[in-house]
Amino acid sequence: GHDAPDANPLGWSNRTLWGKVQQVVDVWFMLGVVAFALAQFALMVLLVHGAATAVVRLLSSETVRSVAEAGAVQPVVPGVNMAPSLLPSVTAALLVSLAFHEFGHALA
């Protein structure tokens, strides 16, 4: 049978360059899924450990401020805990990351 029209837009057989491109993209996406799953697990462990540590420290009468400053995960707030001069660089990095992310959706 024929492939769905959007699965093979140029109508090439899977033994051609288009088939090889599809295989590379499939492997790339699978690597992304594995990397995401590992990172998600690691971040969950980090967050649970941080929360448990914070609760223990708060129960031992430490101040909220000292506990918050010692945490491994902190929000980034320009002008508070990030120099405002870094804002253009951080914005540029976020825009580049967003572009790559959205390009991945376009390939999918």
N, C-alpha and C. Protein backbone atom coordinates (compact mmCIF):
# COMPACT_ATOMS: atom_id res chain seq x y z
N GLY A 1 0.81 -1.19 0.00
CA GLY A 1 0.00 0.00 0.00
C GLY A 1 0.85 1.25 0.00
N HIS A 2 0.20 2.34 -0.17
CA HIS A 2 0.89 3.63 -0.17
C HIS A 2 0.95 4.19 1.24
N ASP A 3 2.01 4.96 1.48
CA ASP A 3 2.11 5.66 2.77
C ASP A 3 1.08 6.77 2.81
N ALA A 4 0.75 7.21 4.01
CA ALA A 4 -0.14 8.36 4.14
C ALA A 4 0.53 9.56 3.47
N PRO A 5 -0.24 10.46 2.88
CA PRO A 5 0.34 11.58 2.13
C PRO A 5 1.34 12.41 2.94
N ASP A 6 1.07 12.63 4.24
CA ASP A 6 1.98 13.46 5.02
C ASP A 6 3.19 12.69 5.53
N ALA A 7 3.14 11.35 5.48
CA ALA A 7 4.27 10.56 5.97
C ALA A 7 5.43 10.54 4.98
N ASN A 8 5.16 10.76 3.71
CA ASN A 8 6.18 10.70 2.68
C ASN A 8 5.84 11.74 1.61
N PRO A 9 6.02 13.03 1.93
CA PRO A 9 5.50 14.08 1.06
C PRO A 9 6.06 14.08 -0.35
N LEU A 10 7.26 13.55 -0.54
CA LEU A 10 7.85 13.57 -1.88
C LEU A 10 7.57 12.29 -2.66
N GLY A 11 6.94 11.32 -2.00
CA GLY A 11 6.58 10.08 -2.68
C GLY A 11 7.77 9.15 -2.92
N TRP A 12 8.87 9.35 -2.19
CA TRP A 12 10.04 8.50 -2.37
C TRP A 12 9.84 7.19 -1.63
N SER A 13 10.49 6.15 -2.12
CA SER A 13 10.41 4.86 -1.42
C SER A 13 11.30 4.93 -0.18
N ASN A 14 11.06 4.03 0.75
CA ASN A 14 11.84 4.04 2.00
C ASN A 14 13.29 3.65 1.80
N ARG A 15 13.65 3.19 0.60
CA ARG A 15 15.05 2.84 0.34
C ARG A 15 15.83 4.04 -0.18
N THR A 16 15.19 5.16 -0.27
CA THR A 16 15.85 6.35 -0.82
C THR A 16 16.28 7.26 0.32
N LEU A 17 16.77 8.41 -0.05
CA LEU A 17 17.23 9.40 0.91
C LEU A 17 16.13 9.77 1.90
N TRP A 18 14.90 9.92 1.42
CA TRP A 18 13.80 10.28 2.32
C TRP A 18 13.61 9.23 3.41
N GLY A 19 13.72 7.95 3.06
CA GLY A 19 13.60 6.88 4.05
C GLY A 19 14.70 6.94 5.09
N LYS A 20 15.92 7.26 4.64
CA LYS A 20 17.04 7.39 5.56
C LYS A 20 16.84 8.58 6.50
N VAL A 21 16.34 9.69 5.96
CA VAL A 21 16.07 10.87 6.79
C VAL A 21 15.03 10.52 7.85
N GLN A 22 13.99 9.80 7.45
CA GLN A 22 12.96 9.40 8.41
C GLN A 22 13.54 8.53 9.52
N GLN A 23 14.44 7.62 9.16
CA GLN A 23 15.06 6.76 10.16
C GLN A 23 15.90 7.57 11.14
N VAL A 24 16.68 8.53 10.64
CA VAL A 24 17.50 9.37 11.51
C VAL A 24 16.62 10.19 12.44
N VAL A 25 15.54 10.76 11.91
CA VAL A 25 14.62 11.55 12.74
C VAL A 25 13.97 10.67 13.79
N ASP A 26 13.59 9.44 13.44
CA ASP A 26 12.98 8.53 14.41
C ASP A 26 13.95 8.21 15.55
N VAL A 27 15.22 7.95 15.22
CA VAL A 27 16.22 7.67 16.25
C VAL A 27 16.44 8.90 17.12
N TRP A 28 16.51 10.08 16.49
CA TRP A 28 16.70 11.33 17.23
C TRP A 28 15.55 11.54 18.23
N PHE A 29 14.31 11.32 17.79
CA PHE A 29 13.16 11.49 18.67
C PHE A 29 13.19 10.47 19.81
N MET A 30 13.58 9.24 19.51
CA MET A 30 13.65 8.22 20.55
C MET A 30 14.71 8.58 21.59
N LEU A 31 15.85 9.10 21.14
CA LEU A 31 16.87 9.56 22.08
C LEU A 31 16.32 10.69 22.95
N GLY A 32 15.53 11.57 22.37
CA GLY A 32 14.92 12.66 23.12
C GLY A 32 13.96 12.14 24.18
N VAL A 33 13.19 11.12 23.84
CA VAL A 33 12.26 10.52 24.80
C VAL A 33 13.02 9.89 25.97
N VAL A 34 14.09 9.17 25.66
CA VAL A 34 14.89 8.53 26.71
C VAL A 34 15.55 9.60 27.59
N ALA A 35 16.14 10.62 26.97
CA ALA A 35 16.78 11.69 27.74
C ALA A 35 15.77 12.40 28.63
N PHE A 36 14.58 12.66 28.11
CA PHE A 36 13.53 13.30 28.90
C PHE A 36 13.14 12.44 30.09
N ALA A 37 12.95 11.15 29.86
CA ALA A 37 12.53 10.26 30.95
C ALA A 37 13.59 10.22 32.05
N LEU A 38 14.86 10.13 31.67
CA LEU A 38 15.93 10.11 32.67
C LEU A 38 16.02 11.43 33.42
N ALA A 39 15.93 12.53 32.69
CA ALA A 39 16.01 13.85 33.33
C ALA A 39 14.81 14.08 34.25
N GLN A 40 13.63 13.65 33.82
CA GLN A 40 12.44 13.82 34.65
C GLN A 40 12.58 13.04 35.95
N PHE A 41 13.07 11.83 35.87
CA PHE A 41 13.27 11.02 37.07
C PHE A 41 14.29 11.69 38.00
N ALA A 42 15.41 12.15 37.44
CA ALA A 42 16.45 12.79 38.24
C ALA A 42 15.92 14.07 38.90
N LEU A 43 15.16 14.85 38.18
CA LEU A 43 14.62 16.08 38.75
C LEU A 43 13.58 15.79 39.84
N MET A 44 12.80 14.75 39.68
CA MET A 44 11.84 14.38 40.72
C MET A 44 12.57 13.99 42.00
N VAL A 45 13.65 13.21 41.87
CA VAL A 45 14.45 12.83 43.03
C VAL A 45 15.01 14.09 43.69
N LEU A 46 15.54 15.01 42.89
CA LEU A 46 16.10 16.25 43.41
C LEU A 46 15.04 17.08 44.15
N LEU A 47 13.87 17.21 43.56
CA LEU A 47 12.81 18.00 44.19
C LEU A 47 12.30 17.36 45.47
N VAL A 48 12.10 16.06 45.47
CA VAL A 48 11.62 15.38 46.68
C VAL A 48 12.67 15.48 47.78
N HIS A 49 13.94 15.27 47.44
CA HIS A 49 15.01 15.39 48.42
C HIS A 49 15.07 16.82 48.96
N GLY A 50 14.98 17.81 48.08
CA GLY A 50 15.01 19.20 48.52
C GLY A 50 13.85 19.55 49.42
N ALA A 51 12.67 19.08 49.07
CA ALA A 51 11.50 19.36 49.90
C ALA A 51 11.62 18.70 51.27
N ALA A 52 12.06 17.45 51.29
CA ALA A 52 12.21 16.74 52.57
C ALA A 52 13.27 17.43 53.43
N THR A 53 14.38 17.82 52.83
CA THR A 53 15.43 18.52 53.57
C THR A 53 14.92 19.85 54.12
N ALA A 54 14.16 20.57 53.30
CA ALA A 54 13.62 21.87 53.74
C ALA A 54 12.67 21.68 54.92
N VAL A 55 11.82 20.67 54.87
CA VAL A 55 10.88 20.42 55.97
C VAL A 55 11.64 20.09 57.25
N VAL A 56 12.64 19.23 57.14
CA VAL A 56 13.43 18.86 58.32
C VAL A 56 14.11 20.10 58.91
N ARG A 57 14.69 20.95 58.04
CA ARG A 57 15.37 22.16 58.53
C ARG A 57 14.38 23.15 59.14
N LEU A 58 13.20 23.28 58.54
CA LEU A 58 12.19 24.18 59.11
C LEU A 58 11.70 23.68 60.47
N LEU A 59 11.55 22.37 60.60
CA LEU A 59 11.11 21.80 61.87
C LEU A 59 12.17 21.95 62.97
N SER A 60 13.43 22.13 62.53
CA SER A 60 14.50 22.34 63.52
C SER A 60 14.70 23.82 63.81
N SER A 61 13.69 24.63 63.49
CA SER A 61 13.63 26.06 63.81
C SER A 61 14.58 26.95 63.02
N GLU A 62 14.99 26.52 61.85
CA GLU A 62 15.77 27.42 60.98
C GLU A 62 14.82 28.41 60.34
N THR A 63 15.35 29.55 59.94
CA THR A 63 14.49 30.56 59.30
C THR A 63 14.14 30.13 57.89
N VAL A 64 13.00 30.60 57.43
CA VAL A 64 12.55 30.29 56.07
C VAL A 64 13.58 30.81 55.06
N ARG A 65 14.12 31.99 55.30
CA ARG A 65 15.09 32.59 54.37
C ARG A 65 16.34 31.73 54.25
N SER A 66 16.88 31.25 55.36
CA SER A 66 18.10 30.43 55.30
C SER A 66 17.84 29.10 54.60
N VAL A 67 16.66 28.54 54.82
CA VAL A 67 16.31 27.28 54.16
C VAL A 67 16.15 27.51 52.66
N ALA A 68 15.49 28.60 52.28
CA ALA A 68 15.26 28.89 50.86
C ALA A 68 16.57 29.15 50.14
N GLU A 69 17.49 29.85 50.78
CA GLU A 69 18.78 30.17 50.13
C GLU A 69 19.66 28.94 49.97
N ALA A 70 19.44 27.92 50.79
CA ALA A 70 20.26 26.72 50.72
C ALA A 70 19.72 25.70 49.72
N GLY A 71 18.54 25.92 49.16
CA GLY A 71 17.92 24.96 48.25
C GLY A 71 18.69 24.80 46.95
N ALA A 72 18.61 23.61 46.37
CA ALA A 72 19.29 23.34 45.11
C ALA A 72 18.54 23.94 43.92
N VAL A 73 17.22 24.07 44.05
CA VAL A 73 16.41 24.62 42.98
C VAL A 73 15.85 25.96 43.45
N GLN A 74 16.17 27.01 42.72
CA GLN A 74 15.70 28.33 43.08
C GLN A 74 15.15 29.02 41.84
N PRO A 75 14.10 29.80 41.99
CA PRO A 75 13.61 30.57 40.83
C PRO A 75 14.60 31.66 40.47
N VAL A 76 14.62 32.04 39.21
CA VAL A 76 15.50 33.11 38.74
C VAL A 76 14.64 34.35 38.58
N VAL A 77 14.97 35.38 39.36
CA VAL A 77 14.23 36.64 39.32
C VAL A 77 15.23 37.76 39.05
N PRO A 78 15.19 38.32 37.82
CA PRO A 78 16.13 39.40 37.51
C PRO A 78 16.00 40.55 38.51
N GLY A 79 17.14 41.01 39.00
CA GLY A 79 17.15 42.09 39.97
C GLY A 79 17.08 41.62 41.40
N VAL A 80 16.69 40.35 41.61
CA VAL A 80 16.63 39.81 42.97
C VAL A 80 17.79 38.84 43.19
N ASN A 81 17.82 37.77 42.40
CA ASN A 81 18.93 36.82 42.54
C ASN A 81 19.67 36.60 41.22
N MET A 82 19.45 37.49 40.26
CA MET A 82 20.18 37.48 39.00
C MET A 82 20.42 38.93 38.60
N ALA A 83 21.65 39.21 38.21
CA ALA A 83 21.98 40.58 37.80
C ALA A 83 21.16 40.97 36.58
N PRO A 84 20.53 42.14 36.60
CA PRO A 84 19.74 42.58 35.44
C PRO A 84 20.57 42.64 34.15
N SER A 85 21.88 42.82 34.28
CA SER A 85 22.73 42.87 33.08
C SER A 85 22.77 41.53 32.35
N LEU A 86 22.39 40.45 33.01
CA LEU A 86 22.37 39.13 32.38
C LEU A 86 21.07 38.87 31.62
N LEU A 87 20.08 39.72 31.80
CA LEU A 87 18.77 39.49 31.19
C LEU A 87 18.82 39.33 29.67
N PRO A 88 19.56 40.17 28.92
CA PRO A 88 19.62 39.95 27.46
C PRO A 88 20.19 38.59 27.07
N SER A 89 21.23 38.15 27.77
CA SER A 89 21.83 36.85 27.46
C SER A 89 20.87 35.70 27.77
N VAL A 90 20.21 35.79 28.91
CA VAL A 90 19.26 34.74 29.30
C VAL A 90 18.08 34.72 28.33
N THR A 91 17.61 35.89 27.93
CA THR A 91 16.50 35.97 26.97
C THR A 91 16.90 35.36 25.64
N ALA A 92 18.11 35.69 25.16
CA ALA A 92 18.59 35.13 23.89
C ALA A 92 18.69 33.61 23.97
N ALA A 93 19.22 33.08 25.08
CA ALA A 93 19.34 31.64 25.25
C ALA A 93 17.96 30.97 25.26
N LEU A 94 17.00 31.59 25.93
CA LEU A 94 15.64 31.04 25.95
C LEU A 94 15.00 31.04 24.57
N LEU A 95 15.23 32.11 23.80
CA LEU A 95 14.66 32.18 22.45
C LEU A 95 15.27 31.13 21.53
N VAL A 96 16.58 30.91 21.63
CA VAL A 96 17.23 29.87 20.81
C VAL A 96 16.69 28.50 21.21
N SER A 97 16.58 28.25 22.52
CA SER A 97 16.04 26.97 22.98
C SER A 97 14.61 26.76 22.50
N LEU A 98 13.81 27.81 22.57
CA LEU A 98 12.43 27.74 22.11
C LEU A 98 12.36 27.44 20.61
N ALA A 99 13.23 28.07 19.83
CA ALA A 99 13.24 27.84 18.38
C ALA A 99 13.57 26.38 18.07
N PHE A 100 14.58 25.81 18.74
CA PHE A 100 14.93 24.40 18.52
C PHE A 100 13.78 23.49 18.95
N HIS A 101 13.17 23.81 20.07
CA HIS A 101 12.05 23.01 20.57
C HIS A 101 10.91 22.99 19.56
N GLU A 102 10.54 24.16 19.09
CA GLU A 102 9.42 24.26 18.13
C GLU A 102 9.78 23.62 16.79
N PHE A 103 11.04 23.70 16.39
CA PHE A 103 11.49 23.05 15.16
C PHE A 103 11.31 21.52 15.29
N GLY A 104 11.54 21.00 16.49
CA GLY A 104 11.30 19.58 16.72
C GLY A 104 9.84 19.21 16.51
N HIS A 105 8.93 20.08 16.94
CA HIS A 105 7.51 19.84 16.69
C HIS A 105 7.23 19.85 15.19
N ALA A 106 7.88 20.77 14.48
CA ALA A 106 7.66 20.85 13.02
C ALA A 106 8.12 19.57 12.34
N LEU A 107 9.23 19.01 12.79
CA LEU A 107 9.72 17.76 12.19
C LEU A 107 8.79 16.59 12.51
N ALA A 108 8.22 16.61 13.70
CA ALA A 108 7.36 15.50 14.10
C ALA A 108 6.11 15.51 13.25
